Protein backbone atom coordinates (compact mmCIF):
# COMPACT_ATOMS: atom_id res chain seq x y z
CA UNK A 1 -0.50 -8.06 -5.79
CA UNK A 2 -2.26 -5.42 -3.65
CA UNK A 3 -3.41 -8.00 -1.12
CA UNK A 4 0.15 -9.48 -0.74
CA UNK A 5 1.56 -5.85 -0.41
CA UNK A 6 -0.97 -4.99 2.22
CA UNK A 7 -0.60 -8.24 4.24
CA UNK A 8 3.15 -7.50 4.42
CA UNK A 9 2.26 -4.15 6.03
CA UNK A 10 0.10 -5.59 8.83
CA UNK A 11 0.75 -6.83 12.31
CA UNK A 12 -1.46 -9.77 13.17
CA UNK A 13 -4.48 -9.20 10.88
CA UNK A 14 -7.27 -7.74 13.02
CA UNK A 15 -4.90 -5.94 15.38
CA UNK A 16 -3.22 -3.10 13.55
CA UNK A 17 -2.77 -2.16 9.91
CA UNK A 18 -0.57 0.45 8.30
CA UNK A 19 -2.52 2.44 5.78
CA UNK A 20 -0.23 4.04 3.13
CA UNK A 21 -0.68 7.54 1.84
CA UNK A 22 -1.71 6.32 -1.61
CA UNK A 23 -4.95 4.97 0.02
CA UNK A 24 -5.67 8.02 2.21
CA UNK A 25 -4.48 11.11 0.42
CA UNK A 26 -2.68 12.17 3.60
CA UNK A 27 0.95 13.12 3.84
CA UNK A 28 1.63 10.54 6.49
CA UNK A 29 0.72 6.85 6.97
CA UNK A 30 -1.92 6.05 9.61
CA UNK A 31 -2.42 2.90 11.53
CA UNK A 32 -5.92 1.49 12.10
CA UNK A 33 -6.86 -1.22 14.59
CA UNK A 34 -9.53 -3.20 16.13
CA UNK A 35 -10.75 -2.37 19.68
CA UNK A 36 -7.94 -2.91 22.26
CA UNK A 37 -8.03 -1.78 25.84
CA UNK A 38 -10.48 0.56 27.47
CA UNK A 39 -10.03 3.60 25.27
CA UNK A 40 -12.39 4.70 22.49
CA UNK A 41 -12.13 4.27 18.81
CA UNK A 42 -9.10 6.01 17.27
CA UNK A 43 -6.44 5.89 14.61
CA UNK A 44 -2.72 6.21 15.28
CA UNK A 45 -0.32 8.38 13.48
CA UNK A 46 3.37 7.58 13.69
CA UNK A 47 6.15 9.91 12.62
CA UNK A 48 7.90 7.01 10.88
CA UNK A 49 6.13 4.78 8.34
CA UNK A 50 7.36 1.61 9.99
CA UNK A 51 5.35 2.34 13.22
CA UNK A 52 8.28 3.70 15.28
CA UNK A 53 9.14 7.04 16.72
CA UNK A 54 6.76 9.70 17.98
CA UNK A 55 3.00 9.05 17.66
CA UNK A 56 -0.38 10.50 18.58
CA UNK A 57 -4.00 9.52 18.06
CA UNK A 58 -7.01 10.96 16.49
CA UNK A 59 -10.41 9.84 17.68
CA UNK A 60 -12.95 8.27 15.37
CA UNK A 61 -15.94 10.42 16.16
CA UNK A 62 -18.24 13.17 14.86
CA UNK A 63 -15.70 15.68 16.20
CA UNK A 64 -12.30 14.02 15.86
CA UNK A 65 -9.85 15.06 18.50
CA UNK A 66 -6.08 14.77 18.85
CA UNK A 67 -4.79 12.74 21.77
CA UNK A 68 -1.13 13.32 22.57
CA UNK A 69 1.44 15.69 21.06
CA UNK A 70 1.11 16.13 17.34
CA UNK A 71 4.18 16.58 15.25
CA UNK A 72 2.12 17.73 12.13
CA UNK A 73 1.19 21.19 11.03
CA UNK A 74 -2.41 22.25 11.68
CA UNK A 75 -3.24 22.01 7.95
CA UNK A 76 -2.39 18.42 7.92
CA UNK A 77 -4.30 17.77 11.14
CA UNK A 78 -7.37 19.27 9.57
CA UNK A 79 -6.94 16.96 6.65
CA UNK A 80 -6.66 13.95 9.00
CA UNK A 81 -9.86 14.94 10.76
CA UNK A 82 -11.60 15.32 7.40
CA UNK A 83 -10.36 11.80 6.48
CA UNK A 84 -11.77 10.41 9.75
CA UNK A 85 -15.11 12.04 9.06
CA UNK A 86 -15.26 10.73 5.50
CA UNK A 87 -14.41 7.25 6.60
CA UNK A 88 -15.95 7.14 10.09
CA UNK A 89 -18.42 4.34 9.33
CA UNK A 90 -15.95 1.90 7.84
CA UNK A 91 -13.22 2.70 10.43
CA UNK A 92 -15.68 2.08 13.27
CA UNK A 93 -16.76 -1.25 11.67
CA UNK A 94 -13.18 -2.35 11.74
CA UNK A 95 -12.72 -1.05 15.31
CA UNK A 96 -15.78 -3.04 16.42
CA UNK A 97 -14.70 -6.16 14.39
CA UNK A 98 -17.80 -6.05 12.23
CA UNK A 99 -15.26 -6.04 9.40
CA UNK A 100 -12.25 -8.22 10.23
CA UNK A 101 -10.33 -7.92 6.94
CA UNK A 102 -8.06 -4.83 6.73
CA UNK A 103 -7.85 -5.25 3.01
CA UNK A 104 -11.63 -4.70 2.76
CA UNK A 105 -11.37 -1.54 4.88
CA UNK A 106 -8.47 -0.12 3.01
CA UNK A 107 -9.90 -0.68 -0.43
CA UNK A 108 -13.07 1.11 0.59
CA UNK A 109 -11.46 4.20 2.07
CA UNK A 110 -12.22 7.61 0.57
CA UNK A 111 -9.13 9.74 -0.07
CA UNK A 112 -8.93 13.38 1.05
């Protein structure tokens, strides 16, 4: 059940996965992905759960930084940065394709 639900939420597996709020504790869905392009490790936050509309990034690092224009209140941004710090290791493993299964990543995330 969970696996089927999650797979429906993903673009080609390894590329980008929508992580629902029930797995993160955040008020918005986040998108995680494997390394693409020349930029550093980051997660993407869309305004709409379906991956459309406004978006911005948060780096996966010891000091997560916002890239782009955030539409969230600072309290929620702090929570997203805390989430990144709590889950930095597993998010980076997915980014670097050391873990290729988004289900494995999502089921091992710590909520904030």
